[in-house]
Amino acid sequence: MNSRRTLHLCLGMLIGIVLTTLYRVRIRKCIPVQFTATVATRPFPKSMVSNQKVTLLRQVYSIDITKAVEMRKHQNVLCYINTYTKNLLVRAVHVRHTWARKCRRYFLMSSAQDNVTNTVALNLTEGEGRQHLWSKMQAIMRYLNRLSDQYDYFYKTDDDSYAVMENLWSTVSGYNPNERFFMGYPFYHLVRDGHLSGGAGYLLSRAAFKAIVDEALGKHPACPTYDEDKEDMKVTLCGYAVGVKLLHIVDRHTTFPFRWRAERLNEYRFQWRSLRMLFNSSLRRPMYKPSLNRFRTDDPFIKDSRSVLSELMIGLHYNRPAQLYITEFIIYHLQPAGITYLY
């Protein structure tokens, strides 16, 4: 009896070894992976110094980040993100874990303090609802005005926005923060000269921020005082009242090749929609009529709707939390083999 059990056990082990070997051979044929590669216990040997690590990284990842690192040294942007108490652990925390980390300093602005997101608790006289958004934004700007001399630019977004900060730094590098201007995505259906989209994010120069707070809020007759939503429109009106200029940051040759309402052309680097919304709706509606005469006809990316957005886009809006991480991964971690970017 024991000898039979031993025979069955040995036979089972032999069959298992044969099947395992055949499976590994099949896997090797299907997947081009070196199974004999040495598995390290840590990414770098403990004795390796920092400079050696950098050299090794450059050999493995052929990515030149010199310009981005240099811009980050000189950028001086304060970001303030409008959020709500109910959104702190639903939206705001994900902004904090993605793009906001690249701001020189950032503030998540709400009416409640939260230790997880380090939210600033504003002392609001009204509630946090959309109907009191302008009142809240005035409180935010007054709160941040005490820091106005420490930063060159002030960038406002919502808690469902995503910003490519390197493109923002590159955009403002040629401007003077001591001049009064703001930039963003303009709408024209309420204000003749256009008003900024708060969701797409808008950037104010130091001079513009100080002028709006010190000279416009509660002081200038053209700066609205009544409480309502549309804080972006009211910030724009207050800026116009004290001589702030709206700058149009656009790319003419890497954009959506269609004619539509002028204020919604996707050539702006700040966008009021998410990539999901842009690709799901804009490309499929027959109402858009091709108008390629506005673009370079020899540009191969004009065809097949591939020239959708500015390649130096800065802001996106209406992002779900997962989209923030997806966008972060695609921009900063996904690298097609053999492709070198020239900018």
Protein backbone atom coordinates (compact mmCIF):
# COMPACT_ATOMS: atom_id res chain seq x y z
CA MET A 1 0.00 0.00 0.00
CA ASN A 2 2.79 2.42 0.94
CA SER A 3 4.76 1.63 -2.20
CA ARG A 4 1.69 2.36 -4.34
CA ARG A 5 1.19 5.73 -2.64
CA THR A 6 4.84 6.53 -3.15
CA LEU A 7 4.56 5.61 -6.83
CA HIS A 8 1.50 7.82 -7.27
CA LEU A 9 3.21 10.71 -5.49
CA CYS A 10 6.34 10.43 -7.63
CA LEU A 11 4.26 10.15 -10.80
CA GLY A 12 2.27 13.26 -9.83
CA MET A 13 5.45 15.24 -9.16
CA LEU A 14 6.92 14.15 -12.50
CA ILE A 15 3.78 15.19 -14.37
CA GLY A 16 3.82 18.53 -12.54
CA ILE A 17 7.44 19.18 -13.51
CA VAL A 18 6.75 18.34 -17.16
CA LEU A 19 3.66 20.58 -17.30
CA THR A 20 5.49 23.45 -15.59
CA THR A 21 8.37 23.17 -18.06
CA LEU A 22 6.02 23.14 -21.04
CA TYR A 23 4.14 26.17 -19.64
CA ARG A 24 7.33 28.17 -19.16
CA VAL A 25 8.49 27.33 -22.70
CA ARG A 26 5.12 28.49 -24.05
CA ILE A 27 5.31 31.73 -22.06
CA ARG A 28 8.82 32.39 -23.32
CA LYS A 29 7.64 32.01 -26.92
CA CYS A 30 4.71 34.37 -26.38
CA ILE A 31 6.32 37.08 -24.26
CA PRO A 32 9.73 38.54 -25.18
CA VAL A 33 11.03 38.80 -21.62
CA GLN A 34 14.44 37.80 -20.31
CA PHE A 35 13.62 35.37 -17.51
CA THR A 36 17.27 35.11 -16.53
CA ALA A 37 17.51 38.80 -15.61
CA THR A 38 18.84 39.50 -12.13
CA VAL A 39 16.18 40.75 -9.74
CA ALA A 40 17.53 43.51 -7.49
CA THR A 41 16.28 44.03 -3.97
CA ARG A 42 16.42 47.82 -4.41
CA PRO A 43 16.47 50.12 -7.47
CA PHE A 44 20.07 51.20 -6.80
CA PRO A 45 22.94 49.66 -4.83
CA LYS A 46 23.16 51.17 -1.37
CA SER A 47 26.70 52.38 -2.01
CA MET A 48 25.77 54.32 -5.17
CA VAL A 49 25.99 58.09 -4.74
CA SER A 50 23.44 60.57 -6.08
CA ASN A 51 25.37 61.58 -9.22
CA GLN A 52 25.77 57.95 -10.22
CA LYS A 53 22.02 57.41 -9.81
CA VAL A 54 21.28 60.36 -12.08
CA THR A 55 23.70 59.05 -14.71
CA LEU A 56 22.12 55.61 -14.58
CA LEU A 57 18.63 57.06 -14.85
CA ARG A 58 19.63 59.04 -17.93
CA GLN A 59 20.96 55.85 -19.53
CA VAL A 60 17.74 53.96 -18.82
CA TYR A 61 15.26 56.76 -19.49
CA SER A 62 16.31 58.94 -22.42
CA ILE A 63 14.38 61.97 -21.25
CA ASP A 64 15.82 65.46 -21.10
CA ILE A 65 14.21 67.32 -18.20
CA THR A 66 16.82 70.08 -18.03
CA LYS A 67 14.47 72.83 -19.22
CA ALA A 68 11.64 71.75 -16.92
CA VAL A 69 13.98 71.65 -13.92
CA GLU A 70 15.35 75.08 -14.77
CA MET A 71 11.86 76.56 -15.17
CA ARG A 72 10.78 75.10 -11.86
CA LYS A 73 13.66 76.83 -10.10
CA HIS A 74 12.54 80.23 -11.35
CA GLN A 75 8.76 79.81 -11.35
CA ASN A 76 6.94 81.64 -8.59
CA VAL A 77 3.27 80.72 -8.91
CA LEU A 78 0.83 80.51 -6.02
CA CYS A 79 -2.12 78.24 -6.79
CA TYR A 80 -5.45 78.57 -5.03
CA ILE A 81 -8.05 75.88 -5.57
CA ASN A 82 -11.67 76.53 -4.76
CA THR A 83 -13.27 73.54 -3.04
CA TYR A 84 -16.12 72.70 -0.69
CA THR A 85 -16.35 70.85 2.60
CA LYS A 86 -18.14 67.90 1.02
CA ASN A 87 -15.46 67.65 -1.68
CA LEU A 88 -12.36 67.63 0.51
CA LEU A 89 -11.87 63.85 0.51
CA VAL A 90 -13.67 63.30 -2.79
CA ARG A 91 -11.94 65.80 -5.08
CA ALA A 92 -9.52 68.12 -3.30
CA VAL A 93 -7.27 65.37 -1.97
CA HIS A 94 -6.67 64.12 -5.52
CA VAL A 95 -5.71 67.58 -6.76
CA ARG A 96 -3.26 67.73 -3.86
CA HIS A 97 -1.74 64.38 -4.86
CA THR A 98 -1.29 65.28 -8.53
CA TRP A 99 -0.60 68.60 -10.23
CA ALA A 100 -0.86 70.97 -7.24
CA ARG A 101 2.44 69.70 -5.85
CA LYS A 102 4.27 71.58 -8.61
CA CYS A 103 3.03 74.98 -7.54
CA ARG A 104 5.47 77.04 -5.51
CA ARG A 105 2.73 77.02 -2.91
CA TYR A 106 -0.91 76.04 -3.08
CA PHE A 107 -4.02 76.59 -0.99
CA LEU A 108 -7.18 74.50 -0.94
CA MET A 109 -9.86 77.01 0.04
CA SER A 110 -13.02 75.96 1.88
CA SER A 111 -14.99 76.87 4.99
CA ALA A 112 -13.74 73.93 7.06
CA GLN A 113 -10.29 72.87 8.23
CA ASP A 114 -9.15 69.41 7.22
CA ASN A 115 -5.89 67.82 8.35
CA VAL A 116 -5.71 65.38 5.45
CA THR A 117 -5.87 68.00 2.70
CA ASN A 118 -4.49 70.95 4.74
CA THR A 119 -7.44 73.06 3.66
CA VAL A 120 -7.65 76.71 4.64
CA ALA A 121 -10.81 77.37 6.66
CA LEU A 122 -12.29 80.66 5.49
CA ASN A 123 -14.44 82.75 7.80
CA LEU A 124 -17.41 83.14 5.47
CA THR A 125 -20.43 85.27 6.28
CA GLU A 126 -22.52 83.27 3.80
CA GLY A 127 -22.69 79.58 2.97
CA GLU A 128 -20.47 77.74 0.53
CA GLY A 129 -23.18 77.17 -2.06
CA ARG A 130 -22.82 78.22 -5.66
CA GLN A 131 -25.21 81.11 -5.06
CA HIS A 132 -22.58 82.65 -2.75
CA LEU A 133 -19.53 81.92 -4.91
CA TRP A 134 -18.65 85.54 -5.56
CA SER A 135 -18.72 86.34 -1.86
CA LYS A 136 -16.43 83.38 -1.22
CA MET A 137 -14.00 84.37 -3.96
CA GLN A 138 -13.68 87.86 -2.55
CA ALA A 139 -12.84 86.33 0.84
CA ILE A 140 -10.25 84.07 -0.81
CA MET A 141 -8.53 86.92 -2.63
CA ARG A 142 -8.46 89.12 0.46
CA TYR A 143 -6.97 86.24 2.45
CA LEU A 144 -4.21 85.70 -0.13
CA ASN A 145 -3.48 89.40 -0.64
CA ARG A 146 -1.20 89.37 2.40
CA LEU A 147 1.12 87.16 0.32
CA SER A 148 0.89 89.20 -2.87
CA ASP A 149 4.44 90.54 -2.64
CA GLN A 150 5.92 87.05 -2.31
CA TYR A 151 4.69 85.60 -5.61
CA ASP A 152 4.79 86.63 -9.26
CA TYR A 153 1.55 84.97 -10.34
CA PHE A 154 -1.68 83.71 -8.81
CA TYR A 155 -3.40 80.76 -10.46
CA LYS A 156 -7.03 79.96 -9.60
CA THR A 157 -8.74 76.66 -10.43
CA ASP A 158 -11.55 74.43 -9.22
CA ASP A 159 -11.21 71.11 -7.42
CA ASP A 160 -11.98 69.18 -10.62
CA SER A 161 -9.35 70.94 -12.74
CA TYR A 162 -6.00 69.66 -13.95
CA ALA A 163 -3.06 71.90 -14.82
CA VAL A 164 0.17 71.16 -16.68
CA MET A 165 2.37 73.45 -14.64
CA GLU A 166 5.41 73.21 -16.92
CA ASN A 167 3.35 74.68 -19.76
CA LEU A 168 2.13 77.42 -17.45
CA TRP A 169 5.68 78.31 -16.44
CA SER A 170 6.76 78.34 -20.08
CA THR A 171 3.83 80.57 -21.03
CA VAL A 172 4.46 83.24 -18.39
CA SER A 173 8.25 83.24 -18.79
CA GLY A 174 8.04 86.00 -21.38
CA TYR A 175 5.76 88.30 -19.36
CA ASN A 176 6.31 90.83 -16.60
CA PRO A 177 4.39 90.11 -13.37
CA ASN A 178 4.44 93.81 -12.55
CA GLU A 179 2.12 94.53 -15.47
CA ARG A 180 -1.63 94.18 -15.03
CA PHE A 181 -2.95 91.21 -16.99
CA PHE A 182 -4.77 87.94 -16.62
CA MET A 183 -5.06 84.94 -18.93
CA GLY A 184 -7.40 81.99 -19.27
CA TYR A 185 -10.22 80.66 -21.43
CA PRO A 186 -12.62 83.48 -22.43
CA PHE A 187 -16.39 83.27 -22.80
CA TYR A 188 -18.24 86.00 -24.70
CA HIS A 189 -21.91 85.33 -24.02
CA LEU A 190 -22.08 87.56 -20.91
CA VAL A 191 -19.31 90.14 -21.34
CA ARG A 192 -18.60 91.83 -24.65
CA ASP A 193 -14.81 91.76 -24.25
CA GLY A 194 -14.86 88.25 -22.82
CA HIS A 195 -14.71 86.91 -19.29
CA LEU A 196 -12.48 84.21 -17.87
CA SER A 197 -13.59 80.63 -17.21
CA GLY A 198 -13.00 79.76 -13.57
CA GLY A 199 -13.07 76.03 -14.20
CA ALA A 200 -10.43 76.15 -16.91
CA GLY A 201 -8.28 78.11 -14.49
CA TYR A 202 -7.12 81.68 -14.84
CA LEU A 203 -3.80 83.28 -14.04
CA LEU A 204 -3.38 86.77 -12.61
CA SER A 205 -0.12 88.67 -12.55
CA ARG A 206 1.01 90.03 -9.21
CA ALA A 207 0.08 93.56 -10.29
CA ALA A 208 -3.37 92.44 -11.45
CA PHE A 209 -4.09 90.51 -8.26
CA LYS A 210 -3.11 93.43 -6.02
CA ALA A 211 -5.03 95.94 -8.13
CA ILE A 212 -8.24 93.91 -8.01
CA VAL A 213 -8.06 93.44 -4.24
CA ASP A 214 -6.76 96.89 -3.29
CA GLU A 215 -8.58 99.05 -5.84
CA ALA A 216 -11.62 97.16 -7.07
CA LEU A 217 -13.24 94.86 -4.48
CA GLY A 218 -15.84 96.89 -2.64
CA LYS A 219 -14.38 100.14 -3.95
CA HIS A 220 -14.82 100.54 -7.70
CA PRO A 221 -18.38 101.11 -9.00
CA ALA A 222 -17.77 98.80 -11.97
CA CYS A 223 -16.76 95.93 -9.68
CA PRO A 224 -19.89 93.94 -8.70
CA THR A 225 -20.72 93.72 -5.00
CA TYR A 226 -23.96 91.71 -5.10
CA ASP A 227 -23.65 88.08 -4.09
CA GLU A 228 -24.14 85.55 -6.85
CA ASP A 229 -22.38 82.78 -8.75
CA LYS A 230 -20.18 83.38 -11.82
CA GLU A 231 -17.19 84.51 -9.79
CA ASP A 232 -15.05 84.24 -12.92
CA MET A 233 -17.14 86.84 -14.72
CA LYS A 234 -17.03 89.20 -11.74
CA VAL A 235 -13.28 88.85 -11.27
CA THR A 236 -12.89 89.76 -14.93
CA LEU A 237 -15.16 92.81 -14.62
CA CYS A 238 -13.26 93.98 -11.54
CA GLY A 239 -10.01 93.53 -13.42
CA TYR A 240 -11.24 95.53 -16.40
CA ALA A 241 -12.29 98.29 -14.01
CA VAL A 242 -8.72 98.82 -12.82
CA GLY A 243 -6.95 98.42 -16.14
CA VAL A 244 -6.18 94.70 -16.20
CA LYS A 245 -5.82 93.32 -19.73
CA LEU A 246 -7.09 89.93 -20.88
CA LEU A 247 -4.36 88.06 -22.76
CA HIS A 248 -5.35 85.39 -25.28
CA ILE A 249 -2.97 82.43 -25.03
CA VAL A 250 -3.56 80.39 -28.17
CA ASP A 251 -1.81 78.05 -30.58
CA ARG A 252 -2.80 78.48 -34.20
CA HIS A 253 -1.44 75.33 -35.81
CA THR A 254 -2.12 72.54 -33.33
CA THR A 255 -5.79 72.94 -32.79
CA PHE A 256 -9.32 71.82 -33.51
CA PRO A 257 -9.81 72.19 -37.31
CA PHE A 258 -13.43 73.31 -37.24
CA ARG A 259 -15.39 76.53 -37.17
CA TRP A 260 -17.81 76.95 -34.29
CA ARG A 261 -18.71 79.67 -31.83
CA ALA A 262 -15.63 81.85 -31.55
CA GLU A 263 -15.37 81.63 -27.76
CA ARG A 264 -15.14 77.84 -27.83
CA LEU A 265 -12.38 77.23 -30.32
CA ASN A 266 -9.98 74.72 -28.84
CA GLU A 267 -6.88 76.65 -29.80
CA TYR A 268 -6.73 78.10 -26.27
CA ARG A 269 -4.19 76.57 -23.91
CA PHE A 270 -6.74 76.85 -21.12
CA GLN A 271 -9.75 74.59 -21.74
CA TRP A 272 -13.09 74.64 -19.91
CA ARG A 273 -13.78 70.96 -20.65
CA SER A 274 -12.04 67.67 -19.84
CA LEU A 275 -10.36 65.45 -22.40
CA ARG A 276 -13.20 62.98 -21.95
CA MET A 277 -15.75 65.63 -22.88
CA LEU A 278 -13.69 66.95 -25.77
CA PHE A 279 -13.15 63.57 -27.38
CA ASN A 280 -16.59 62.13 -26.63
CA SER A 281 -18.62 65.03 -27.94
CA SER A 282 -16.69 67.48 -30.07
CA LEU A 283 -15.32 65.00 -32.58
CA ARG A 284 -18.62 63.22 -33.22
CA ARG A 285 -21.08 66.02 -33.80
CA PRO A 286 -21.90 66.54 -37.49
CA MET A 287 -22.66 70.21 -36.80
CA TYR A 288 -18.96 71.00 -36.91
CA LYS A 289 -17.89 71.94 -40.42
CA PRO A 290 -14.25 71.45 -41.42
CA SER A 291 -12.42 74.69 -42.05
CA LEU A 292 -8.87 73.70 -42.83
CA ASN A 293 -8.02 76.95 -44.58
CA ARG A 294 -7.26 78.43 -41.16
CA PHE A 295 -4.45 75.90 -40.67
CA ARG A 296 -1.34 74.72 -42.47
CA THR A 297 -2.55 72.45 -45.25
CA ASP A 298 0.75 70.56 -45.26
CA ASP A 299 0.45 69.66 -41.59
CA PRO A 300 -0.09 65.86 -41.44
CA PHE A 301 -1.79 66.12 -38.07
CA ILE A 302 -4.64 68.18 -39.46
CA LYS A 303 -6.21 65.07 -41.00
CA ASP A 304 -8.29 62.44 -39.22
CA SER A 305 -9.17 64.83 -36.40
CA ARG A 306 -5.76 64.35 -34.82
CA SER A 307 -5.08 68.04 -34.38
CA VAL A 308 -7.52 68.40 -31.52
CA LEU A 309 -5.85 70.58 -28.91
CA SER A 310 -2.82 72.71 -28.26
CA GLU A 311 0.18 70.54 -27.52
CA LEU A 312 1.13 73.11 -24.88
CA MET A 313 -2.25 73.01 -23.18
CA ILE A 314 -2.33 74.22 -19.58
CA GLY A 315 -5.72 73.65 -17.99
CA LEU A 316 -8.59 71.15 -18.19
CA HIS A 317 -11.90 71.17 -16.32
CA TYR A 318 -14.64 68.72 -15.28
CA ASN A 319 -12.18 65.93 -14.49
CA ARG A 320 -13.23 62.96 -12.44
CA PRO A 321 -10.69 62.00 -9.74
CA ALA A 322 -9.46 59.01 -11.76
CA GLN A 323 -8.84 61.27 -14.76
CA LEU A 324 -6.39 63.34 -12.73
CA TYR A 325 -4.19 60.30 -12.18
CA ILE A 326 -4.62 59.05 -15.76
CA THR A 327 -3.59 62.44 -17.13
CA GLU A 328 -0.65 62.58 -14.73
CA PHE A 329 0.55 59.15 -15.82
CA ILE A 330 0.23 59.78 -19.54
CA ILE A 331 2.03 63.14 -19.38
CA TYR A 332 4.87 62.32 -17.01
CA HIS A 333 5.38 58.55 -17.05
CA LEU A 334 4.24 57.03 -20.35
CA GLN A 335 7.13 57.30 -22.83
CA PRO A 336 6.81 55.83 -26.36
CA ALA A 337 10.06 54.06 -27.26
CA GLY A 338 12.13 55.78 -29.91
CA ILE A 339 10.34 59.12 -29.74
CA THR A 340 12.27 62.24 -28.78
CA TYR A 341 10.45 65.49 -28.12
CA LEU A 342 12.07 68.61 -29.51
CA TYR A 343 10.72 71.09 -26.95
